Amino acid sequence: MIKKLSLLLSALIFSVAVLAVDNHYVLGVDGLACPFCAYGIEKRLNKIEGVTDVQVDVGESVVHVSMREGKTLTEDRASQAVDEAGFTLRSFSEAEGETGGNDAQ
């Protein structure tokens, strides 16, 4: 019973955190080919202050980045992080008010 309650509480806390996200970005990235590529780009993007979630779709070569409320991601900063990970930023767009990478599809 305690295990179920803590799981439910964890899910509730996560849900509230996701609702607080107000900036969502979609990055087109050239060179994504495998899960190792996804890990490398996730690692670099997660180092940016304010990033709350990074979802990589290797098949579509798209990365969804969610930022904490009040934080923004500039195209220059995204390009720098993608470049540091060894890839090329092909496109950058902002979709405000979305919550998480999988909801945008």
PDB file of N, CA and C in Angstrom:
ATOM      1  N   MET A   1       0.823  -1.195   0.000  1.00  0.00           N
ATOM      2  CA  MET A   1       0.000   0.000   0.000  1.00  0.00           C
ATOM      3  C   MET A   1       0.871   1.263   0.000  1.00  0.00           C
ATOM      4  N   ILE A   2       1.902   1.271   0.817  1.00  0.00           N
ATOM      5  CA  ILE A   2       2.789   2.435   0.894  1.00  0.00           C
ATOM      6  C   ILE A   2       3.514   2.619  -0.432  1.00  0.00           C
ATOM      7  N   LYS A   3       3.889   1.512  -1.045  1.00  0.00           N
ATOM      8  CA  LYS A   3       4.571   1.574  -2.340  1.00  0.00           C
ATOM      9  C   LYS A   3       3.666   2.223  -3.395  1.00  0.00           C
ATOM     10  N   LYS A   4       2.399   1.820  -3.413  1.00  0.00           N
ATOM     11  CA  LYS A   4       1.447   2.378  -4.376  1.00  0.00           C
ATOM     12  C   LYS A   4       1.222   3.868  -4.112  1.00  0.00           C
ATOM     13  N   LEU A   5       1.128   4.233  -2.849  1.00  0.00           N
ATOM     14  CA  LEU A   5       0.923   5.629  -2.494  1.00  0.00           C
ATOM     15  C   LEU A   5       2.112   6.478  -2.908  1.00  0.00           C
ATOM     16  N   SER A   6       3.333   5.984  -2.680  1.00  0.00           N
ATOM     17  CA  SER A   6       4.504   6.764  -3.091  1.00  0.00           C
ATOM     18  C   SER A   6       4.603   6.854  -4.607  1.00  0.00           C
ATOM     19  N   LEU A   7       4.213   5.822  -5.310  1.00  0.00           N
ATOM     20  CA  LEU A   7       4.208   5.870  -6.770  1.00  0.00           C
ATOM     21  C   LEU A   7       3.199   6.909  -7.263  1.00  0.00           C
ATOM     22  N   LEU A   8       2.041   6.927  -6.654  1.00  0.00           N
ATOM     23  CA  LEU A   8       1.015   7.901  -7.015  1.00  0.00           C
ATOM     24  C   LEU A   8       1.483   9.321  -6.713  1.00  0.00           C
ATOM     25  N   LEU A   9       2.114   9.525  -5.582  1.00  0.00           N
ATOM     26  CA  LEU A   9       2.631  10.836  -5.214  1.00  0.00           C
ATOM     27  C   LEU A   9       3.717  11.284  -6.186  1.00  0.00           C
ATOM     28  N   SER A  10       4.584  10.369  -6.571  1.00  0.00           N
ATOM     29  CA  SER A  10       5.634  10.681  -7.548  1.00  0.00           C
ATOM     30  C   SER A  10       5.023  11.096  -8.884  1.00  0.00           C
ATOM     31  N   ALA A  11       4.015  10.382  -9.319  1.00  0.00           N
ATOM     32  CA  ALA A  11       3.345  10.707 -10.580  1.00  0.00           C
ATOM     33  C   ALA A  11       2.688  12.080 -10.497  1.00  0.00           C
ATOM     34  N   LEU A  12       2.090  12.395  -9.372  1.00  0.00           N
ATOM     35  CA  LEU A  12       1.450  13.696  -9.190  1.00  0.00           C
ATOM     36  C   LEU A  12       2.481  14.820  -9.224  1.00  0.00           C
ATOM     37  N   ILE A  13       3.598  14.634  -8.559  1.00  0.00           N
ATOM     38  CA  ILE A  13       4.661  15.644  -8.555  1.00  0.00           C
ATOM     39  C   ILE A  13       5.192  15.846  -9.965  1.00  0.00           C
ATOM     40  N   PHE A  14       5.413  14.768 -10.689  1.00  0.00           N
ATOM     41  CA  PHE A  14       5.892  14.860 -12.065  1.00  0.00           C
ATOM     42  C   PHE A  14       4.886  15.601 -12.937  1.00  0.00           C
ATOM     43  N   SER A  15       3.599  15.314 -12.757  1.00  0.00           N
ATOM     44  CA  SER A  15       2.550  15.966 -13.545  1.00  0.00           C
ATOM     45  C   SER A  15       2.529  17.465 -13.304  1.00  0.00           C
ATOM     46  N   VAL A  16       2.676  17.875 -12.066  1.00  0.00           N
ATOM     47  CA  VAL A  16       2.695  19.297 -11.739  1.00  0.00           C
ATOM     48  C   VAL A  16       3.917  19.955 -12.365  1.00  0.00           C
ATOM     49  N   ALA A  17       5.063  19.279 -12.341  1.00  0.00           N
ATOM     50  CA  ALA A  17       6.275  19.828 -12.940  1.00  0.00           C
ATOM     51  C   ALA A  17       6.104  20.005 -14.448  1.00  0.00           C
ATOM     52  N   VAL A  18       5.463  19.073 -15.097  1.00  0.00           N
ATOM     53  CA  VAL A  18       5.242  19.160 -16.541  1.00  0.00           C
ATOM     54  C   VAL A  18       4.306  20.311 -16.862  1.00  0.00           C
ATOM     55  N   LEU A  19       3.291  20.531 -16.044  1.00  0.00           N
ATOM     56  CA  LEU A  19       2.358  21.618 -16.289  1.00  0.00           C
ATOM     57  C   LEU A  19       3.015  22.982 -16.158  1.00  0.00           C
ATOM     58  N   ALA A  20       4.093  23.071 -15.390  1.00  0.00           N
ATOM     59  CA  ALA A  20       4.790  24.338 -15.199  1.00  0.00           C
ATOM     60  C   ALA A  20       5.650  24.711 -16.413  1.00  0.00           C
ATOM     61  N   VAL A  21       5.855  23.785 -17.314  1.00  0.00           N
ATOM     62  CA  VAL A  21       6.679  24.047 -18.494  1.00  0.00           C
ATOM     63  C   VAL A  21       5.924  24.982 -19.428  1.00  0.00           C
ATOM     64  N   ASP A  22       6.576  26.096 -19.821  1.00  0.00           N
ATOM     65  CA  ASP A  22       5.867  26.991 -20.714  1.00  0.00           C
ATOM     66  C   ASP A  22       6.563  27.189 -22.047  1.00  0.00           C
ATOM     67  N   ASN A  23       7.752  26.673 -22.208  1.00  0.00           N
ATOM     68  CA  ASN A  23       8.457  26.814 -23.483  1.00  0.00           C
ATOM     69  C   ASN A  23       8.906  25.452 -23.988  1.00  0.00           C
ATOM     70  N   HIS A  24       8.567  25.197 -25.224  1.00  0.00           N
ATOM     71  CA  HIS A  24       8.924  23.925 -25.848  1.00  0.00           C
ATOM     72  C   HIS A  24       9.540  24.248 -27.210  1.00  0.00           C
ATOM     73  N   TYR A  25      10.636  23.591 -27.510  1.00  0.00           N
ATOM     74  CA  TYR A  25      11.358  23.852 -28.756  1.00  0.00           C
ATOM     75  C   TYR A  25      11.509  22.561 -29.549  1.00  0.00           C
ATOM     76  N   VAL A  26      11.501  22.690 -30.855  1.00  0.00           N
ATOM     77  CA  VAL A  26      11.698  21.549 -31.738  1.00  0.00           C
ATOM     78  C   VAL A  26      12.937  21.836 -32.579  1.00  0.00           C
ATOM     79  N   LEU A  27      13.928  20.957 -32.451  1.00  0.00           N
ATOM     80  CA  LEU A  27      15.184  21.124 -33.165  1.00  0.00           C
ATOM     81  C   LEU A  27      15.312  20.034 -34.223  1.00  0.00           C
ATOM     82  N   GLY A  28      15.548  20.435 -35.451  1.00  0.00           N
ATOM     83  CA  GLY A  28      15.884  19.479 -36.501  1.00  0.00           C
ATOM     84  C   GLY A  28      17.394  19.303 -36.466  1.00  0.00           C
ATOM     85  N   VAL A  29      17.852  18.064 -36.352  1.00  0.00           N
ATOM     86  CA  VAL A  29      19.289  17.806 -36.192  1.00  0.00           C
ATOM     87  C   VAL A  29      19.762  16.811 -37.239  1.00  0.00           C
ATOM     88  N   ASP A  30      20.786  17.193 -37.986  1.00  0.00           N
ATOM     89  CA  ASP A  30      21.380  16.294 -38.970  1.00  0.00           C
ATOM     90  C   ASP A  30      22.436  15.426 -38.298  1.00  0.00           C
ATOM     91  N   GLY A  31      22.464  14.154 -38.655  1.00  0.00           N
ATOM     92  CA  GLY A  31      23.493  13.250 -38.169  1.00  0.00           C
ATOM     93  C   GLY A  31      23.029  12.263 -37.113  1.00  0.00           C
ATOM     94  N   LEU A  32      21.776  12.368 -36.653  1.00  0.00           N
ATOM     95  CA  LEU A  32      21.273  11.427 -35.652  1.00  0.00           C
ATOM     96  C   LEU A  32      21.033  10.067 -36.311  1.00  0.00           C
ATOM     97  N   ALA A  33      21.694   9.033 -35.805  1.00  0.00           N
ATOM     98  CA  ALA A  33      21.565   7.740 -36.460  1.00  0.00           C
ATOM     99  C   ALA A  33      21.305   6.578 -35.506  1.00  0.00           C
ATOM    100  N   CYS A  34      21.511   6.776 -34.199  1.00  0.00           N
ATOM    101  CA  CYS A  34      21.411   5.642 -33.284  1.00  0.00           C
ATOM    102  C   CYS A  34      21.128   6.121 -31.863  1.00  0.00           C
ATOM    103  N   PRO A  35      20.826   5.205 -30.954  1.00  0.00           N
ATOM    104  CA  PRO A  35      20.596   5.583 -29.558  1.00  0.00           C
ATOM    105  C   PRO A  35      21.816   6.256 -28.906  1.00  0.00           C
ATOM    106  N   PHE A  36      23.009   5.890 -29.312  1.00  0.00           N
ATOM    107  CA  PHE A  36      24.200   6.537 -28.766  1.00  0.00           C
ATOM    108  C   PHE A  36      24.220   8.008 -29.167  1.00  0.00           C
ATOM    109  N   CYS A  37      23.806   8.310 -30.398  1.00  0.00           N
ATOM    110  CA  CYS A  37      23.698   9.700 -30.855  1.00  0.00           C
ATOM    111  C   CYS A  37      22.688  10.445 -29.986  1.00  0.00           C
ATOM    112  N   ALA A  38      21.550   9.806 -29.738  1.00  0.00           N
ATOM    113  CA  ALA A  38      20.503  10.423 -28.919  1.00  0.00           C
ATOM    114  C   ALA A  38      21.042  10.733 -27.529  1.00  0.00           C
ATOM    115  N   TYR A  39      21.785   9.803 -26.944  1.00  0.00           N
ATOM    116  CA  TYR A  39      22.350  10.020 -25.613  1.00  0.00           C
ATOM    117  C   TYR A  39      23.305  11.207 -25.615  1.00  0.00           C
ATOM    118  N   GLY A  40      24.146  11.305 -26.625  1.00  0.00           N
ATOM    119  CA  GLY A  40      25.120  12.392 -26.692  1.00  0.00           C
ATOM    120  C   GLY A  40      24.460  13.757 -26.775  1.00  0.00           C
ATOM    121  N   ILE A  41      23.421  13.851 -27.575  1.00  0.00           N
ATOM    122  CA  ILE A  41      22.757  15.150 -27.710  1.00  0.00           C
ATOM    123  C   ILE A  41      21.923  15.470 -26.479  1.00  0.00           C
ATOM    124  N   GLU A  42      21.295  14.454 -25.874  1.00  0.00           N
ATOM    125  CA  GLU A  42      20.552  14.670 -24.630  1.00  0.00           C
ATOM    126  C   GLU A  42      21.478  15.202 -23.542  1.00  0.00           C
ATOM    127  N   LYS A  43      22.648  14.595 -23.439  1.00  0.00           N
ATOM    128  CA  LYS A  43      23.617  14.983 -22.420  1.00  0.00           C
ATOM    129  C   LYS A  43      24.010  16.458 -22.567  1.00  0.00           C
ATOM    130  N   ARG A  44      24.276  16.904 -23.783  1.00  0.00           N
ATOM    131  CA  ARG A  44      24.673  18.297 -24.024  1.00  0.00           C
ATOM    132  C   ARG A  44      23.530  19.266 -23.759  1.00  0.00           C
ATOM    133  N   LEU A  45      22.344  18.934 -24.248  1.00  0.00           N
ATOM    134  CA  LEU A  45      21.208  19.841 -24.073  1.00  0.00           C
ATOM    135  C   LEU A  45      20.779  19.931 -22.612  1.00  0.00           C
ATOM    136  N   ASN A  46      20.889  18.846 -21.872  1.00  0.00           N
ATOM    137  CA  ASN A  46      20.521  18.864 -20.453  1.00  0.00           C
ATOM    138  C   ASN A  46      21.454  19.725 -19.607  1.00  0.00           C
ATOM    139  N   LYS A  47      22.615  20.094 -20.141  1.00  0.00           N
ATOM    140  CA  LYS A  47      23.538  20.968 -19.418  1.00  0.00           C
ATOM    141  C   LYS A  47      23.100  22.436 -19.473  1.00  0.00           C
ATOM    142  N   ILE A  48      22.169  22.756 -20.354  1.00  0.00           N
ATOM    143  CA  ILE A  48      21.695  24.131 -20.492  1.00  0.00           C
ATOM    144  C   ILE A  48      20.774  24.448 -19.318  1.00  0.00           C
ATOM    145  N   GLU A  49      21.012  25.581 -18.673  1.00  0.00           N
ATOM    146  CA  GLU A  49      20.202  25.994 -17.527  1.00  0.00           C
ATOM    147  C   GLU A  49      18.740  26.149 -17.934  1.00  0.00           C
ATOM    148  N   GLY A  50      17.856  25.512 -17.167  1.00  0.00           N
ATOM    149  CA  GLY A  50      16.423  25.620 -17.413  1.00  0.00           C
ATOM    150  C   GLY A  50      15.819  24.479 -18.197  1.00  0.00           C
ATOM    151  N   VAL A  51      16.638  23.617 -18.786  1.00  0.00           N
ATOM    152  CA  VAL A  51      16.100  22.486 -19.549  1.00  0.00           C
ATOM    153  C   VAL A  51      15.485  21.484 -18.569  1.00  0.00           C
ATOM    154  N   THR A  52      14.226  21.113 -18.823  1.00  0.00           N
ATOM    155  CA  THR A  52      13.537  20.150 -17.961  1.00  0.00           C
ATOM    156  C   THR A  52      13.344  18.797 -18.621  1.00  0.00           C
ATOM    157  N   ASP A  53      13.380  18.764 -19.959  1.00  0.00           N
ATOM    158  CA  ASP A  53      13.155  17.490 -20.644  1.00  0.00           C
ATOM    159  C   ASP A  53      13.732  17.562 -22.053  1.00  0.00           C
ATOM    160  N   VAL A  54      14.336  16.461 -22.472  1.00  0.00           N
ATOM    161  CA  VAL A  54      14.846  16.331 -23.834  1.00  0.00           C
ATOM    162  C   VAL A  54      14.364  14.992 -24.372  1.00  0.00           C
ATOM    163  N   GLN A  55      13.663  15.019 -25.492  1.00  0.00           N
ATOM    164  CA  GLN A  55      13.183  13.807 -26.146  1.00  0.00           C
ATOM    165  C   GLN A  55      13.754  13.768 -27.550  1.00  0.00           C
ATOM    166  N   VAL A  56      14.456  12.691 -27.887  1.00  0.00           N
ATOM    167  CA  VAL A  56      15.089  12.569 -29.198  1.00  0.00           C
ATOM    168  C   VAL A  56      14.348  11.524 -30.025  1.00  0.00           C
ATOM    169  N   ASP A  57      13.960  11.907 -31.225  1.00  0.00           N
ATOM    170  CA  ASP A  57      13.352  10.988 -32.185  1.00  0.00           C
ATOM    171  C   ASP A  57      14.395  10.748 -33.275  1.00  0.00           C
ATOM    172  N   VAL A  58      15.154   9.669 -33.131  1.00  0.00           N
ATOM    173  CA  VAL A  58      16.246   9.375 -34.061  1.00  0.00           C
ATOM    174  C   VAL A  58      15.713   9.173 -35.480  1.00  0.00           C
ATOM    175  N   GLY A  59      14.595   8.498 -35.619  1.00  0.00           N
ATOM    176  CA  GLY A  59      14.025   8.215 -36.934  1.00  0.00           C
ATOM    177  C   GLY A  59      13.651   9.468 -37.710  1.00  0.00           C
ATOM    178  N   GLU A  60      13.166  10.477 -37.007  1.00  0.00           N
ATOM    179  CA  GLU A  60      12.763  11.732 -37.648  1.00  0.00           C
ATOM    180  C   GLU A  60      13.860  12.790 -37.594  1.00  0.00           C
ATOM    181  N   SER A  61      14.952  12.506 -36.887  1.00  0.00           N
ATOM    182  CA  SER A  61      16.051  13.466 -36.688  1.00  0.00           C
ATOM    183  C   SER A  61      15.557  14.768 -36.060  1.00  0.00           C
ATOM    184  N   VAL A  62      14.707  14.601 -35.031  1.00  0.00           N
ATOM    185  CA  VAL A  62      14.108  15.741 -34.341  1.00  0.00           C
ATOM    186  C   VAL A  62      14.349  15.597 -32.843  1.00  0.00           C
ATOM    187  N   VAL A  63      14.619  16.732 -32.201  1.00  0.00           N
ATOM    188  CA  VAL A  63      14.811  16.761 -30.757  1.00  0.00           C
ATOM    189  C   VAL A  63      13.818  17.755 -30.174  1.00  0.00           C
ATOM    190  N   HIS A  64      13.058  17.315 -29.164  1.00  0.00           N
ATOM    191  CA  HIS A  64      12.106  18.173 -28.470  1.00  0.00           C
ATOM    192  C   HIS A  64      12.737  18.575 -27.144  1.00  0.00           C
ATOM    193  N   VAL A  65      12.789  19.880 -26.885  1.00  0.00           N
ATOM    194  CA  VAL A  65      13.395  20.394 -25.657  1.00  0.00           C
ATOM    195  C   VAL A  65      12.350  21.206 -24.902  1.00  0.00           C
ATOM    196  N   SER A  66      12.147  20.883 -23.636  1.00  0.00           N
ATOM    197  CA  SER A  66      11.237  21.635 -22.781  1.00  0.00           C
ATOM    198  C   SER A  66      12.049  22.425 -21.769  1.00  0.00           C
ATOM    199  N   MET A  67      11.623  23.669 -21.555  1.00  0.00           N
ATOM    200  CA  MET A  67      12.312  24.563 -20.630  1.00  0.00           C
ATOM    201  C   MET A  67      11.406  24.903 -19.450  1.00  0.00           C
ATOM    202  N   ARG A  68      12.038  25.145 -18.307  1.00  0.00           N
ATOM    203  CA  ARG A  68      11.324  25.561 -17.115  1.00  0.00           C
ATOM    204  C   ARG A  68      10.632  26.899 -17.380  1.00  0.00           C
ATOM    205  N   GLU A  69       9.542  27.126 -16.673  1.00  0.00           N
ATOM    206  CA  GLU A  69       8.782  28.363 -16.800  1.00  0.00           C
ATOM    207  C   GLU A  69       9.695  29.571 -16.608  1.00  0.00           C
ATOM    208  N   GLY A  70       9.605  30.507 -17.524  1.00  0.00           N
ATOM    209  CA  GLY A  70      10.405  31.713 -17.449  1.00  0.00           C
ATOM    210  C   GLY A  70      11.767  31.614 -18.128  1.00  0.00           C
ATOM    211  N   LYS A  71      12.164  30.422 -18.556  1.00  0.00           N
ATOM    212  CA  LYS A  71      13.450  30.232 -19.233  1.00  0.00           C
ATOM    213  C   LYS A  71      13.202  30.069 -20.730  1.00  0.00           C
ATOM    214  N   THR A  72      14.163  30.509 -21.522  1.00  0.00           N
ATOM    215  CA  THR A  72      14.058  30.363 -22.972  1.00  0.00           C
ATOM    216  C   THR A  72      15.336  29.743 -23.522  1.00  0.00           C
ATOM    217  N   LEU A  73      15.224  29.205 -24.698  1.00  0.00           N
ATOM    218  CA  LEU A  73      16.360  28.631 -25.403  1.00  0.00           C
ATOM    219  C   LEU A  73      16.536  29.425 -26.694  1.00  0.00           C
ATOM    220  N   THR A  74      17.713  29.992 -26.878  1.00  0.00           N
ATOM    221  CA  THR A  74      17.969  30.735 -28.112  1.00  0.00           C
ATOM    222  C   THR A  74      18.467  29.774 -29.185  1.00  0.00           C
ATOM    223  N   GLU A  75      18.295  30.170 -30.414  1.00  0.00           N
ATOM    224  CA  GLU A  75      18.782  29.340 -31.514  1.00  0.00           C
ATOM    225  C   GLU A  75      20.302  29.204 -31.451  1.00  0.00           C
ATOM    226  N   ASP A  76      20.984  30.284 -31.072  1.00  0.00           N
ATOM    227  CA  ASP A  76      22.451  30.235 -30.957  1.00  0.00           C
ATOM    228  C   ASP A  76      22.894  29.231 -29.904  1.00  0.00           C
ATOM    229  N   ARG A  77      22.218  29.220 -28.748  1.00  0.00           N
ATOM    230  CA  ARG A  77      22.593  28.296 -27.664  1.00  0.00           C
ATOM    231  C   ARG A  77      22.288  26.854 -28.065  1.00  0.00           C
ATOM    232  N   ALA A  78      21.156  26.651 -28.722  1.00  0.00           N
ATOM    233  CA  ALA A  78      20.797  25.308 -29.194  1.00  0.00           C
ATOM    234  C   ALA A  78      21.819  24.830 -30.217  1.00  0.00           C
ATOM    235  N   SER A  79      22.184  25.706 -31.136  1.00  0.00           N
ATOM    236  CA  SER A  79      23.159  25.361 -32.169  1.00  0.00           C
ATOM    237  C   SER A  79      24.508  25.001 -31.554  1.00  0.00           C
ATOM    238  N   GLN A  80      24.919  25.768 -30.548  1.00  0.00           N
ATOM    239  CA  GLN A  80      26.188  25.500 -29.873  1.00  0.00           C
ATOM    240  C   GLN A  80      26.174  24.127 -29.197  1.00  0.00           C
ATOM    241  N   ALA A  81      25.089  23.807 -28.490  1.00  0.00           N
ATOM    242  CA  ALA A  81      24.994  22.512 -27.803  1.00  0.00           C
ATOM    243  C   ALA A  81      24.981  21.360 -28.799  1.00  0.00           C
ATOM    244  N   VAL A  82      24.231  21.521 -29.885  1.00  0.00           N
ATOM    245  CA  VAL A  82      24.153  20.483 -30.914  1.00  0.00           C
ATOM    246  C   VAL A  82      25.523  20.289 -31.554  1.00  0.00           C
ATOM    247  N   ASP A  83      26.211  21.394 -31.837  1.00  0.00           N
ATOM    248  CA  ASP A  83      27.551  21.338 -32.423  1.00  0.00           C
ATOM    249  C   ASP A  83      28.539  20.648 -31.474  1.00  0.00           C
ATOM    250  N   GLU A  84      28.459  20.975 -30.187  1.00  0.00           N
ATOM    251  CA  GLU A  84      29.342  20.351 -29.190  1.00  0.00           C
ATOM    252  C   GLU A  84      29.115  18.844 -29.102  1.00  0.00           C
ATOM    253  N   ALA A  85      27.899  18.415 -29.417  1.00  0.00           N
ATOM    254  CA  ALA A  85      27.578  16.983 -29.394  1.00  0.00           C
ATOM    255  C   ALA A  85      28.018  16.294 -30.688  1.00  0.00           C
ATOM    256  N   GLY A  86      28.465  17.088 -31.678  1.00  0.00           N
ATOM    257  CA  GLY A  86      28.956  16.512 -32.922  1.00  0.00           C
ATOM    258  C   GLY A  86      27.933  16.443 -34.036  1.00  0.00           C
ATOM    259  N   PHE A  87      26.866  17.242 -33.933  1.00  0.00           N
ATOM    260  CA  PHE A  87      25.805  17.225 -34.933  1.00  0.00           C
ATOM    261  C   PHE A  87      25.584  18.625 -35.480  1.00  0.00           C
ATOM    262  N   THR A  88      24.686  18.746 -36.450  1.00  0.00           N
ATOM    263  CA  THR A  88      24.397  20.025 -37.079  1.00  0.00           C
ATOM    264  C   THR A  88      22.932  20.378 -36.877  1.00  0.00           C
ATOM    265  N   LEU A  89      22.680  21.599 -36.387  1.00  0.00           N
ATOM    266  CA  LEU A  89      21.315  22.078 -36.222  1.00  0.00           C
ATOM    267  C   LEU A  89      20.775  22.470 -37.586  1.00  0.00           C
ATOM    268  N   ARG A  90      19.721  21.781 -38.029  1.00  0.00           N
ATOM    269  CA  ARG A  90      19.106  22.023 -39.335  1.00  0.00           C
ATOM    270  C   ARG A  90      17.967  23.029 -39.227  1.00  0.00           C
ATOM    271  N   SER A  91      17.189  22.935 -38.125  1.00  0.00           N
ATOM    272  CA  SER A  91      16.053  23.840 -37.953  1.00  0.00           C
ATOM    273  C   SER A  91      15.802  24.056 -36.471  1.00  0.00           C
ATOM    274  N   PHE A  92      15.151  25.177 -36.164  1.00  0.00           N
ATOM    275  CA  PHE A  92      14.864  25.558 -34.785  1.00  0.00           C
ATOM    276  C   PHE A  92      13.513  26.246 -34.771  1.00  0.00           C
ATOM    277  N   SER A  93      12.602  25.754 -33.947  1.00  0.00           N
ATOM    278  CA  SER A  93      11.305  26.422 -33.825  1.00  0.00           C
ATOM    279  C   SER A  93      10.816  26.337 -32.390  1.00  0.00           C
ATOM    280  N   GLU A  94      10.028  27.322 -32.017  1.00  0.00           N
ATOM    281  CA  GLU A  94       9.470  27.387 -30.673  1.00  0.00           C
ATOM    282  C   GLU A  94       7.975  27.136 -30.756  1.00  0.00           C
ATOM    283  N   ALA A  95       7.476  26.324 -29.832  1.00  0.00           N
ATOM    284  CA  ALA A  95       6.041  26.060 -29.743  1.00  0.00           C
ATOM    285  C   ALA A  95       5.649  26.271 -28.287  1.00  0.00           C
ATOM    286  N   GLU A  96       5.240  27.472 -27.926  1.00  0.00           N
ATOM    287  CA  GLU A  96       4.938  27.800 -26.531  1.00  0.00           C
ATOM    288  C   GLU A  96       3.696  27.076 -26.045  1.00  0.00           C
ATOM    289  N   GLY A  97       3.750  26.711 -24.751  1.00  0.00           N
ATOM    290  CA  GLY A  97       2.597  26.123 -24.099  1.00  0.00           C
ATOM    291  C   GLY A  97       2.473  24.629 -24.236  1.00  0.00           C
ATOM    292  N   GLU A  98       3.332  23.972 -25.008  1.00  0.00           N
ATOM    293  CA  GLU A  98       3.262  22.521 -25.148  1.00  0.00           C
ATOM    294  C   GLU A  98       3.977  21.875 -23.989  1.00  0.00           C
ATOM    295  N   THR A  99       3.625  20.633 -23.683  1.00  0.00           N
ATOM    296  CA  THR A  99       4.178  19.956 -22.517  1.00  0.00           C
ATOM    297  C   THR A  99       4.832  18.648 -22.891  1.00  0.00           C
ATOM    298  N   GLY A 100       6.047  18.649 -23.262  1.00  0.00           N
ATOM    299  CA  GLY A 100       6.734  17.381 -23.498  1.00  0.00           C
ATOM    300  C   GLY A 100       6.813  17.025 -24.962  1.00  0.00           C
ATOM    301  N   GLY A 101       7.865  16.306 -25.303  1.00  0.00           N
ATOM    302  CA  GLY A 101       8.157  15.993 -26.678  1.00  0.00           C
ATOM    303  C   GLY A 101       7.131  15.141 -27.383  1.00  0.00           C
ATOM    304  N   ASN A 102       6.540  14.168 -26.723  1.00  0.00           N
ATOM    305  CA  ASN A 102       5.651  13.248 -27.407  1.00  0.00           C
ATOM    306  C   ASN A 102       4.293  13.850 -27.683  1.00  0.00           C
ATOM    307  N   ASP A 103       3.892  14.911 -26.933  1.00  0.00           N
ATOM    308  CA  ASP A 103       2.606  15.526 -27.149  1.00  0.00           C
ATOM    309  C   ASP A 103       2.582  16.371 -28.409  1.00  0.00           C
ATOM    310  N   ALA A 104       3.735  16.784 -28.884  1.00  0.00           N
ATOM    311  CA  ALA A 104       3.792  17.691 -30.028  1.00  0.00           C
ATOM    312  C   ALA A 104       3.606  16.965 -31.348  1.00  0.00           C
ATOM    313  N   GLN A 105       3.602  15.673 -31.350  1.00  0.00           N
ATOM    314  CA  GLN A 105       3.535  14.927 -32.609  1.00  0.00           C
ATOM    315  C   GLN A 105       2.136  14.655 -33.032  1.00  0.00           C
TER     316      GLN A 105
END
